[in-house]
Amino acid sequence: MKVIIDRFEEKFVVVELENRNIINMPKELVPKGAKEGDVLEIRINREETQKRKQKIQRLWENLSN
């Protein structure tokens, strides 16, 4: 999914979604240095997701022993 930065407000960044809807995102979710007109890409990182699942599984197994 891609979003376009429309403008910056106090605590939020107003972005336009691919379906042309407008939403507010907290500024802390936007990379430093981003500016109006920049395109941000939101994607699923399957490799990182799998690593986190494995880590949680190991922690759970250690707690169970």
C-alpha atoms as a PDB file:
ATOM      1  CA  MET A   1       0.000   0.000   0.000  1.00  0.00           C
ATOM      2  CA  LYS A   2       1.286   3.434  -0.854  1.00  0.00           C
ATOM      3  CA  VAL A   3       0.296   6.708   0.799  1.00  0.00           C
ATOM      4  CA  ILE A   4       1.133  10.273  -0.185  1.00  0.00           C
ATOM      5  CA  ILE A   5       1.959  12.889   2.430  1.00  0.00           C
ATOM      6  CA  ASP A   6      -0.487  15.739   1.964  1.00  0.00           C
ATOM      7  CA  ARG A   7       0.568  17.966   4.852  1.00  0.00           C
ATOM      8  CA  PHE A   8       1.925  18.100   8.373  1.00  0.00           C
ATOM      9  CA  GLU A   9      -0.185  19.213  11.319  1.00  0.00           C
ATOM     10  CA  GLU A  10       0.715  19.498  15.010  1.00  0.00           C
ATOM     11  CA  LYS A  11       0.859  15.833  16.023  1.00  0.00           C
ATOM     12  CA  PHE A  12      -0.249  14.246  12.782  1.00  0.00           C
ATOM     13  CA  VAL A  13       0.680  13.801   9.161  1.00  0.00           C
ATOM     14  CA  VAL A  14      -2.270  13.921   6.780  1.00  0.00           C
ATOM     15  CA  VAL A  15      -1.871  11.269   4.091  1.00  0.00           C
ATOM     16  CA  GLU A  16      -3.852  10.243   1.037  1.00  0.00           C
ATOM     17  CA  LEU A  17      -4.436   6.528   0.559  1.00  0.00           C
ATOM     18  CA  GLU A  18      -4.483   4.744  -2.787  1.00  0.00           C
ATOM     19  CA  ASN A  19      -8.288   4.806  -2.735  1.00  0.00           C
ATOM     20  CA  ARG A  20      -8.103   8.614  -2.348  1.00  0.00           C
ATOM     21  CA  ASN A  21      -9.305   8.560   1.278  1.00  0.00           C
ATOM     22  CA  ILE A  22      -7.528  10.927   3.640  1.00  0.00           C
ATOM     23  CA  ILE A  23      -6.355   9.833   7.101  1.00  0.00           C
ATOM     24  CA  ASN A  24      -4.182  11.183   9.903  1.00  0.00           C
ATOM     25  CA  MET A  25      -1.077   9.286  10.945  1.00  0.00           C
ATOM     26  CA  PRO A  26       0.903  10.027  14.102  1.00  0.00           C
ATOM     27  CA  LYS A  27       4.093  11.892  13.176  1.00  0.00           C
ATOM     28  CA  GLU A  28       6.239   9.321  14.961  1.00  0.00           C
ATOM     29  CA  LEU A  29       5.218   6.690  12.374  1.00  0.00           C
ATOM     30  CA  VAL A  30       6.604   8.747   9.495  1.00  0.00           C
ATOM     31  CA  PRO A  31      10.340   8.543   8.689  1.00  0.00           C
ATOM     32  CA  LYS A  32      12.417  11.569   9.649  1.00  0.00           C
ATOM     33  CA  GLY A  33      13.077  13.789   6.690  1.00  0.00           C
ATOM     34  CA  ALA A  34       9.776  12.980   4.987  1.00  0.00           C
ATOM     35  CA  LYS A  35       8.093  15.972   3.381  1.00  0.00           C
ATOM     36  CA  GLU A  36       4.863  16.947   1.659  1.00  0.00           C
ATOM     37  CA  GLY A  37       4.379  15.037  -1.581  1.00  0.00           C
ATOM     38  CA  ASP A  38       6.569  12.105  -0.529  1.00  0.00           C
ATOM     39  CA  VAL A  39       5.206   8.620  -1.178  1.00  0.00           C
ATOM     40  CA  LEU A  40       5.441   6.150   1.698  1.00  0.00           C
ATOM     41  CA  GLU A  41       5.069   2.419   1.229  1.00  0.00           C
ATOM     42  CA  ILE A  42       3.464   0.225   3.874  1.00  0.00           C
ATOM     43  CA  ARG A  43       4.113  -3.465   3.387  1.00  0.00           C
ATOM     44  CA  ILE A  44       4.149  -6.768   5.229  1.00  0.00           C
ATOM     45  CA  ASN A  45       7.633  -7.994   6.050  1.00  0.00           C
ATOM     46  CA  ARG A  46       7.057 -11.751   6.150  1.00  0.00           C
ATOM     47  CA  GLU A  47      10.667 -12.543   7.082  1.00  0.00           C
ATOM     48  CA  GLU A  48      10.557 -10.293  10.167  1.00  0.00           C
ATOM     49  CA  THR A  49       7.112 -11.623  11.067  1.00  0.00           C
ATOM     50  CA  GLN A  50       8.450 -15.183  11.036  1.00  0.00           C
ATOM     51  CA  LYS A  51      11.482 -14.214  13.147  1.00  0.00           C
ATOM     52  CA  ARG A  52       9.223 -12.603  15.764  1.00  0.00           C
ATOM     53  CA  LYS A  53       6.954 -15.656  15.864  1.00  0.00           C
ATOM     54  CA  GLN A  54       9.958 -17.926  16.384  1.00  0.00           C
ATOM     55  CA  LYS A  55      11.329 -15.697  19.141  1.00  0.00           C
ATOM     56  CA  ILE A  56       7.982 -15.660  20.943  1.00  0.00           C
ATOM     57  CA  GLN A  57       7.718 -19.437  20.591  1.00  0.00           C
ATOM     58  CA  ARG A  58      11.190 -19.894  22.132  1.00  0.00           C
ATOM     59  CA  LEU A  59      10.288 -17.573  25.020  1.00  0.00           C
ATOM     60  CA  TRP A  60       7.066 -19.471  25.598  1.00  0.00           C
ATOM     61  CA  GLU A  61       8.911 -22.810  25.571  1.00  0.00           C
ATOM     62  CA  ASN A  62      11.466 -21.479  28.082  1.00  0.00           C
ATOM     63  CA  LEU A  63       8.677 -20.314  30.391  1.00  0.00           C
ATOM     64  CA  SER A  64       6.954 -23.683  30.139  1.00  0.00           C
ATOM     65  CA  ASN A  65      10.062 -25.601  31.270  1.00  0.00           C
END
